[in-house]
Amino acid sequence: GSIGTVVTGDGAQAPSAPPAMPAG
């Protein structure tokens, strides 16, 4: 399905606010 946030890098962090997903 849809993905909100993906972080795979060393030391990288997810953004504090999740990204806005399109309706549906």
mmCIF file of all heavy atoms, coordinates in Angstrom:
data_MODEL
# 
_entry.id   MODEL 
# 
loop_
_atom_site.group_PDB 
_atom_site.id 
_atom_site.type_symbol 
_atom_site.label_atom_id 
_atom_site.label_alt_id 
_atom_site.label_comp_id 
_atom_site.label_asym_id 
_atom_site.label_entity_id 
_atom_site.label_seq_id 
_atom_site.pdbx_PDB_ins_code 
_atom_site.Cartn_x 
_atom_site.Cartn_y 
_atom_site.Cartn_z 
_atom_site.occupancy 
_atom_site.B_iso_or_equiv 
_atom_site.pdbx_formal_charge 
_atom_site.auth_seq_id 
_atom_site.auth_comp_id 
_atom_site.auth_asym_id 
_atom_site.auth_atom_id 
_atom_site.pdbx_PDB_model_num 
ATOM 1   N N   . GLY A 1 1  ? 0.832  -1.206 0.000  1.00 0.00 ? 1  GLY A N   1 
ATOM 2   C CA  . GLY A 1 1  ? 0.000  0.000  0.000  1.00 0.00 ? 1  GLY A CA  1 
ATOM 3   C C   . GLY A 1 1  ? 0.860  1.245  0.000  1.00 0.00 ? 1  GLY A C   1 
ATOM 4   O O   . GLY A 1 1  ? 1.889  1.319  -0.648 1.00 0.00 ? 1  GLY A O   1 
ATOM 5   N N   . SER A 1 2  ? 0.425  2.230  0.772  1.00 0.00 ? 2  SER A N   1 
ATOM 6   C CA  . SER A 1 2  ? 1.152  3.500  0.845  1.00 0.00 ? 2  SER A CA  1 
ATOM 7   C C   . SER A 1 2  ? 2.154  3.478  1.990  1.00 0.00 ? 2  SER A C   1 
ATOM 8   O O   . SER A 1 2  ? 1.996  2.766  2.973  1.00 0.00 ? 2  SER A O   1 
ATOM 9   C CB  . SER A 1 2  ? 0.156  4.637  1.064  1.00 0.00 ? 2  SER A CB  1 
ATOM 10  O OG  . SER A 1 2  ? -0.712 4.723  -0.033 1.00 0.00 ? 2  SER A OG  1 
ATOM 11  N N   . ILE A 1 3  ? 3.189  4.305  1.841  1.00 0.00 ? 3  ILE A N   1 
ATOM 12  C CA  . ILE A 1 3  ? 4.233  4.425  2.860  1.00 0.00 ? 3  ILE A CA  1 
ATOM 13  C C   . ILE A 1 3  ? 4.233  5.863  3.361  1.00 0.00 ? 3  ILE A C   1 
ATOM 14  O O   . ILE A 1 3  ? 4.290  6.797  2.561  1.00 0.00 ? 3  ILE A O   1 
ATOM 15  C CB  . ILE A 1 3  ? 5.629  4.107  2.280  1.00 0.00 ? 3  ILE A CB  1 
ATOM 16  C CG1 . ILE A 1 3  ? 5.705  2.671  1.781  1.00 0.00 ? 3  ILE A CG1 1 
ATOM 17  C CG2 . ILE A 1 3  ? 6.709  4.361  3.314  1.00 0.00 ? 3  ILE A CG2 1 
ATOM 18  C CD1 . ILE A 1 3  ? 7.005  2.342  1.081  1.00 0.00 ? 3  ILE A CD1 1 
ATOM 19  N N   . GLY A 1 4  ? 4.192  6.047  4.672  1.00 0.00 ? 4  GLY A N   1 
ATOM 20  C CA  . GLY A 1 4  ? 4.295  7.392  5.238  1.00 0.00 ? 4  GLY A CA  1 
ATOM 21  C C   . GLY A 1 4  ? 5.741  7.848  5.253  1.00 0.00 ? 4  GLY A C   1 
ATOM 22  O O   . GLY A 1 4  ? 6.123  8.788  4.573  1.00 0.00 ? 4  GLY A O   1 
ATOM 23  N N   . THR A 1 5  ? 6.573  7.163  6.029  1.00 0.00 ? 5  THR A N   1 
ATOM 24  C CA  . THR A 1 5  ? 7.982  7.534  6.163  1.00 0.00 ? 5  THR A CA  1 
ATOM 25  C C   . THR A 1 5  ? 8.838  6.276  6.198  1.00 0.00 ? 5  THR A C   1 
ATOM 26  O O   . THR A 1 5  ? 8.509  5.322  6.891  1.00 0.00 ? 5  THR A O   1 
ATOM 27  C CB  . THR A 1 5  ? 8.217  8.322  7.465  1.00 0.00 ? 5  THR A CB  1 
ATOM 28  O OG1 . THR A 1 5  ? 7.389  9.478  7.459  1.00 0.00 ? 5  THR A OG1 1 
ATOM 29  C CG2 . THR A 1 5  ? 9.660  8.746  7.608  1.00 0.00 ? 5  THR A CG2 1 
ATOM 30  N N   . VAL A 1 6  ? 9.953  6.295  5.453  1.00 0.00 ? 6  VAL A N   1 
ATOM 31  C CA  . VAL A 1 6  ? 10.922 5.208  5.478  1.00 0.00 ? 6  VAL A CA  1 
ATOM 32  C C   . VAL A 1 6  ? 12.298 5.816  5.668  1.00 0.00 ? 6  VAL A C   1 
ATOM 33  O O   . VAL A 1 6  ? 12.677 6.746  4.961  1.00 0.00 ? 6  VAL A O   1 
ATOM 34  C CB  . VAL A 1 6  ? 10.903 4.395  4.159  1.00 0.00 ? 6  VAL A CB  1 
ATOM 35  C CG1 . VAL A 1 6  ? 12.011 3.354  4.166  1.00 0.00 ? 6  VAL A CG1 1 
ATOM 36  C CG2 . VAL A 1 6  ? 9.562  3.750  3.943  1.00 0.00 ? 6  VAL A CG2 1 
ATOM 37  N N   . VAL A 1 7  ? 13.050 5.273  6.647  1.00 0.00 ? 7  VAL A N   1 
ATOM 38  C CA  . VAL A 1 7  ? 14.421 5.711  6.894  1.00 0.00 ? 7  VAL A CA  1 
ATOM 39  C C   . VAL A 1 7  ? 15.283 4.465  6.983  1.00 0.00 ? 7  VAL A C   1 
ATOM 40  O O   . VAL A 1 7  ? 15.042 3.604  7.824  1.00 0.00 ? 7  VAL A O   1 
ATOM 41  C CB  . VAL A 1 7  ? 14.519 6.524  8.205  1.00 0.00 ? 7  VAL A CB  1 
ATOM 42  C CG1 . VAL A 1 7  ? 15.964 6.915  8.488  1.00 0.00 ? 7  VAL A CG1 1 
ATOM 43  C CG2 . VAL A 1 7  ? 13.637 7.750  8.147  1.00 0.00 ? 7  VAL A CG2 1 
ATOM 44  N N   . THR A 1 8  ? 16.280 4.329  6.106  1.00 0.00 ? 8  THR A N   1 
ATOM 45  C CA  . THR A 1 8  ? 17.167 3.170  6.131  1.00 0.00 ? 8  THR A CA  1 
ATOM 46  C C   . THR A 1 8  ? 18.625 3.541  6.374  1.00 0.00 ? 8  THR A C   1 
ATOM 47  O O   . THR A 1 8  ? 19.463 2.666  6.470  1.00 0.00 ? 8  THR A O   1 
ATOM 48  C CB  . THR A 1 8  ? 17.074 2.389  4.804  1.00 0.00 ? 8  THR A CB  1 
ATOM 49  O OG1 . THR A 1 8  ? 17.513 3.228  3.748  1.00 0.00 ? 8  THR A OG1 1 
ATOM 50  C CG2 . THR A 1 8  ? 15.666 1.900  4.540  1.00 0.00 ? 8  THR A CG2 1 
ATOM 51  N N   . GLY A 1 9  ? 18.952 4.811  6.450  1.00 0.00 ? 9  GLY A N   1 
ATOM 52  C CA  . GLY A 1 9  ? 20.339 5.238  6.607  1.00 0.00 ? 9  GLY A CA  1 
ATOM 53  C C   . GLY A 1 9  ? 20.815 5.189  8.047  1.00 0.00 ? 9  GLY A C   1 
ATOM 54  O O   . GLY A 1 9  ? 20.038 5.316  8.985  1.00 0.00 ? 9  GLY A O   1 
ATOM 55  N N   . ASP A 1 10 ? 22.123 5.016  8.231  1.00 0.00 ? 10 ASP A N   1 
ATOM 56  C CA  . ASP A 1 10 ? 22.723 5.035  9.559  1.00 0.00 ? 10 ASP A CA  1 
ATOM 57  C C   . ASP A 1 10 ? 22.682 6.453  10.119 1.00 0.00 ? 10 ASP A C   1 
ATOM 58  O O   . ASP A 1 10 ? 23.098 7.407  9.453  1.00 0.00 ? 10 ASP A O   1 
ATOM 59  C CB  . ASP A 1 10 ? 24.183 4.563  9.501  1.00 0.00 ? 10 ASP A CB  1 
ATOM 60  C CG  . ASP A 1 10 ? 24.293 3.087  9.162  1.00 0.00 ? 10 ASP A CG  1 
ATOM 61  O OD1 . ASP A 1 10 ? 23.375 2.329  9.524  1.00 0.00 ? 10 ASP A OD1 1 
ATOM 62  O OD2 . ASP A 1 10 ? 25.288 2.713  8.517  1.00 0.00 ? 10 ASP A OD2 1 
ATOM 63  N N   . GLY A 1 11 ? 22.153 6.609  11.293 1.00 0.00 ? 11 GLY A N   1 
ATOM 64  C CA  . GLY A 1 11 ? 22.110 7.908  11.950 1.00 0.00 ? 11 GLY A CA  1 
ATOM 65  C C   . GLY A 1 11 ? 21.015 8.825  11.437 1.00 0.00 ? 11 GLY A C   1 
ATOM 66  O O   . GLY A 1 11 ? 20.804 9.903  11.996 1.00 0.00 ? 11 GLY A O   1 
ATOM 67  N N   . ALA A 1 12 ? 20.342 8.454  10.390 1.00 0.00 ? 12 ALA A N   1 
ATOM 68  C CA  . ALA A 1 12 ? 19.253 9.281  9.870  1.00 0.00 ? 12 ALA A CA  1 
ATOM 69  C C   . ALA A 1 12 ? 18.017 9.100  10.748 1.00 0.00 ? 12 ALA A C   1 
ATOM 70  O O   . ALA A 1 12 ? 17.802 8.043  11.315 1.00 0.00 ? 12 ALA A O   1 
ATOM 71  C CB  . ALA A 1 12 ? 18.935 8.900  8.429  1.00 0.00 ? 12 ALA A CB  1 
ATOM 72  N N   . GLN A 1 13 ? 17.223 10.155 10.857 1.00 0.00 ? 13 GLN A N   1 
ATOM 73  C CA  . GLN A 1 13 ? 16.029 10.096 11.687 1.00 0.00 ? 13 GLN A CA  1 
ATOM 74  C C   . GLN A 1 13 ? 14.807 10.468 10.865 1.00 0.00 ? 13 GLN A C   1 
ATOM 75  O O   . GLN A 1 13 ? 14.887 11.250 9.922  1.00 0.00 ? 13 GLN A O   1 
ATOM 76  C CB  . GLN A 1 13 ? 16.165 11.042 12.872 1.00 0.00 ? 13 GLN A CB  1 
ATOM 77  C CG  . GLN A 1 13 ? 17.272 10.624 13.832 1.00 0.00 ? 13 GLN A CG  1 
ATOM 78  C CD  . GLN A 1 13 ? 17.299 11.515 15.053 1.00 0.00 ? 13 GLN A CD  1 
ATOM 79  O OE1 . GLN A 1 13 ? 16.463 12.378 15.222 1.00 0.00 ? 13 GLN A OE1 1 
ATOM 80  N NE2 . GLN A 1 13 ? 18.277 11.292 15.910 1.00 0.00 ? 13 GLN A NE2 1 
ATOM 81  N N   . ALA A 1 14 ? 13.679 9.912  11.262 1.00 0.00 ? 14 ALA A N   1 
ATOM 82  C CA  . ALA A 1 14 ? 12.415 10.237 10.605 1.00 0.00 ? 14 ALA A CA  1 
ATOM 83  C C   . ALA A 1 14 ? 12.038 11.667 10.951 1.00 0.00 ? 14 ALA A C   1 
ATOM 84  O O   . ALA A 1 14 ? 12.369 12.166 12.028 1.00 0.00 ? 14 ALA A O   1 
ATOM 85  C CB  . ALA A 1 14 ? 11.330 9.280  11.068 1.00 0.00 ? 14 ALA A CB  1 
ATOM 86  N N   . PRO A 1 15 ? 11.356 12.366 10.037 1.00 0.00 ? 15 PRO A N   1 
ATOM 87  C CA  . PRO A 1 15 ? 10.916 13.727 10.347 1.00 0.00 ? 15 PRO A CA  1 
ATOM 88  C C   . PRO A 1 15 ? 9.953  13.719 11.528 1.00 0.00 ? 15 PRO A C   1 
ATOM 89  O O   . PRO A 1 15 ? 9.244  12.737 11.759 1.00 0.00 ? 15 PRO A O   1 
ATOM 90  C CB  . PRO A 1 15 ? 10.225 14.177 9.055  1.00 0.00 ? 15 PRO A CB  1 
ATOM 91  C CG  . PRO A 1 15 ? 9.951  12.944 8.280  1.00 0.00 ? 15 PRO A CG  1 
ATOM 92  C CD  . PRO A 1 15 ? 10.931 11.922 8.724  1.00 0.00 ? 15 PRO A CD  1 
ATOM 93  N N   . SER A 1 16 ? 9.940  14.839 12.285 1.00 0.00 ? 16 SER A N   1 
ATOM 94  C CA  . SER A 1 16 ? 9.087  14.911 13.478 1.00 0.00 ? 16 SER A CA  1 
ATOM 95  C C   . SER A 1 16 ? 7.611  14.894 13.109 1.00 0.00 ? 16 SER A C   1 
ATOM 96  O O   . SER A 1 16 ? 6.793  14.361 13.837 1.00 0.00 ? 16 SER A O   1 
ATOM 97  C CB  . SER A 1 16 ? 9.418  16.157 14.292 1.00 0.00 ? 16 SER A CB  1 
ATOM 98  O OG  . SER A 1 16 ? 9.258  17.304 13.478 1.00 0.00 ? 16 SER A OG  1 
ATOM 99  N N   . ALA A 1 17 ? 7.238  15.494 11.992 1.00 0.00 ? 17 ALA A N   1 
ATOM 100 C CA  . ALA A 1 17 ? 5.839  15.487 11.559 1.00 0.00 ? 17 ALA A CA  1 
ATOM 101 C C   . ALA A 1 17 ? 5.713  14.543 10.360 1.00 0.00 ? 17 ALA A C   1 
ATOM 102 O O   . ALA A 1 17 ? 6.471  14.661 9.398  1.00 0.00 ? 17 ALA A O   1 
ATOM 103 C CB  . ALA A 1 17 ? 5.393  16.886 11.162 1.00 0.00 ? 17 ALA A CB  1 
ATOM 104 N N   . PRO A 1 18 ? 4.782  13.595 10.422 1.00 0.00 ? 18 PRO A N   1 
ATOM 105 C CA  . PRO A 1 18 ? 4.635  12.695 9.278  1.00 0.00 ? 18 PRO A CA  1 
ATOM 106 C C   . PRO A 1 18 ? 4.163  13.462 8.044  1.00 0.00 ? 18 PRO A C   1 
ATOM 107 O O   . PRO A 1 18 ? 3.450  14.455 8.165  1.00 0.00 ? 18 PRO A O   1 
ATOM 108 C CB  . PRO A 1 18 ? 3.587  11.689 9.739  1.00 0.00 ? 18 PRO A CB  1 
ATOM 109 C CG  . PRO A 1 18 ? 2.884  12.332 10.873 1.00 0.00 ? 18 PRO A CG  1 
ATOM 110 C CD  . PRO A 1 18 ? 3.830  13.325 11.470 1.00 0.00 ? 18 PRO A CD  1 
ATOM 111 N N   . PRO A 1 19 ? 4.575  13.036 6.872  1.00 0.00 ? 19 PRO A N   1 
ATOM 112 C CA  . PRO A 1 19 ? 4.169  13.727 5.654  1.00 0.00 ? 19 PRO A CA  1 
ATOM 113 C C   . PRO A 1 19 ? 2.668  13.571 5.416  1.00 0.00 ? 19 PRO A C   1 
ATOM 114 O O   . PRO A 1 19 ? 2.064  12.589 5.814  1.00 0.00 ? 19 PRO A O   1 
ATOM 115 C CB  . PRO A 1 19 ? 4.971  13.036 4.558  1.00 0.00 ? 19 PRO A CB  1 
ATOM 116 C CG  . PRO A 1 19 ? 5.303  11.701 5.119  1.00 0.00 ? 19 PRO A CG  1 
ATOM 117 C CD  . PRO A 1 19 ? 5.416  11.880 6.595  1.00 0.00 ? 19 PRO A CD  1 
ATOM 118 N N   . ALA A 1 20 ? 2.084  14.556 4.768  1.00 0.00 ? 20 ALA A N   1 
ATOM 119 C CA  . ALA A 1 20 ? 0.665  14.494 4.439  1.00 0.00 ? 20 ALA A CA  1 
ATOM 120 C C   . ALA A 1 20 ? 0.464  13.527 3.283  1.00 0.00 ? 20 ALA A C   1 
ATOM 121 O O   . ALA A 1 20 ? 1.138  13.615 2.264  1.00 0.00 ? 20 ALA A O   1 
ATOM 122 C CB  . ALA A 1 20 ? 0.152  15.876 4.067  1.00 0.00 ? 20 ALA A CB  1 
ATOM 123 N N   . MET A 1 21 ? -0.436 12.579 3.469  1.00 0.00 ? 21 MET A N   1 
ATOM 124 C CA  . MET A 1 21 ? -0.729 11.606 2.426  1.00 0.00 ? 21 MET A CA  1 
ATOM 125 C C   . MET A 1 21 ? -1.970 12.061 1.661  1.00 0.00 ? 21 MET A C   1 
ATOM 126 O O   . MET A 1 21 ? -2.905 12.590 2.245  1.00 0.00 ? 21 MET A O   1 
ATOM 127 C CB  . MET A 1 21 ? -0.992 10.227 3.047  1.00 0.00 ? 21 MET A CB  1 
ATOM 128 C CG  . MET A 1 21 ? 0.210  9.666  3.815  1.00 0.00 ? 21 MET A CG  1 
ATOM 129 S SD  . MET A 1 21 ? 1.652  9.396  2.787  1.00 0.00 ? 21 MET A SD  1 
ATOM 130 C CE  . MET A 1 21 ? 1.105  8.014  1.832  1.00 0.00 ? 21 MET A CE  1 
ATOM 131 N N   . PRO A 1 22 ? -2.003 11.850 0.354  1.00 0.00 ? 22 PRO A N   1 
ATOM 132 C CA  . PRO A 1 22 ? -3.188 12.208 -0.429 1.00 0.00 ? 22 PRO A CA  1 
ATOM 133 C C   . PRO A 1 22 ? -4.405 11.404 0.032  1.00 0.00 ? 22 PRO A C   1 
ATOM 134 O O   . PRO A 1 22 ? -4.274 10.298 0.527  1.00 0.00 ? 22 PRO A O   1 
ATOM 135 C CB  . PRO A 1 22 ? -2.817 11.821 -1.860 1.00 0.00 ? 22 PRO A CB  1 
ATOM 136 C CG  . PRO A 1 22 ? -1.341 11.676 -1.864 1.00 0.00 ? 22 PRO A CG  1 
ATOM 137 C CD  . PRO A 1 22 ? -0.934 11.349 -0.474 1.00 0.00 ? 22 PRO A CD  1 
ATOM 138 N N   . ALA A 1 23 ? -5.582 11.973 -0.138 1.00 0.00 ? 23 ALA A N   1 
ATOM 139 C CA  . ALA A 1 23 ? -6.811 11.299 0.257  1.00 0.00 ? 23 ALA A CA  1 
ATOM 140 C C   . ALA A 1 23 ? -6.952 9.992  -0.511 1.00 0.00 ? 23 ALA A C   1 
ATOM 141 O O   . ALA A 1 23 ? -6.756 9.949  -1.714 1.00 0.00 ? 23 ALA A O   1 
ATOM 142 C CB  . ALA A 1 23 ? -8.018 12.192 -0.020 1.00 0.00 ? 23 ALA A CB  1 
ATOM 143 N N   . GLY A 1 24 ? -7.280 8.921  0.194  1.00 0.00 ? 24 GLY A N   1 
ATOM 144 C CA  . GLY A 1 24 ? -7.463 7.622  -0.437 1.00 0.00 ? 24 GLY A CA  1 
ATOM 145 C C   . GLY A 1 24 ? -6.181 6.862  -0.674 1.00 0.00 ? 24 GLY A C   1 
ATOM 146 O O   . GLY A 1 24 ? -6.223 5.707  -1.069 1.00 0.00 ? 24 GLY A O   1 
# 
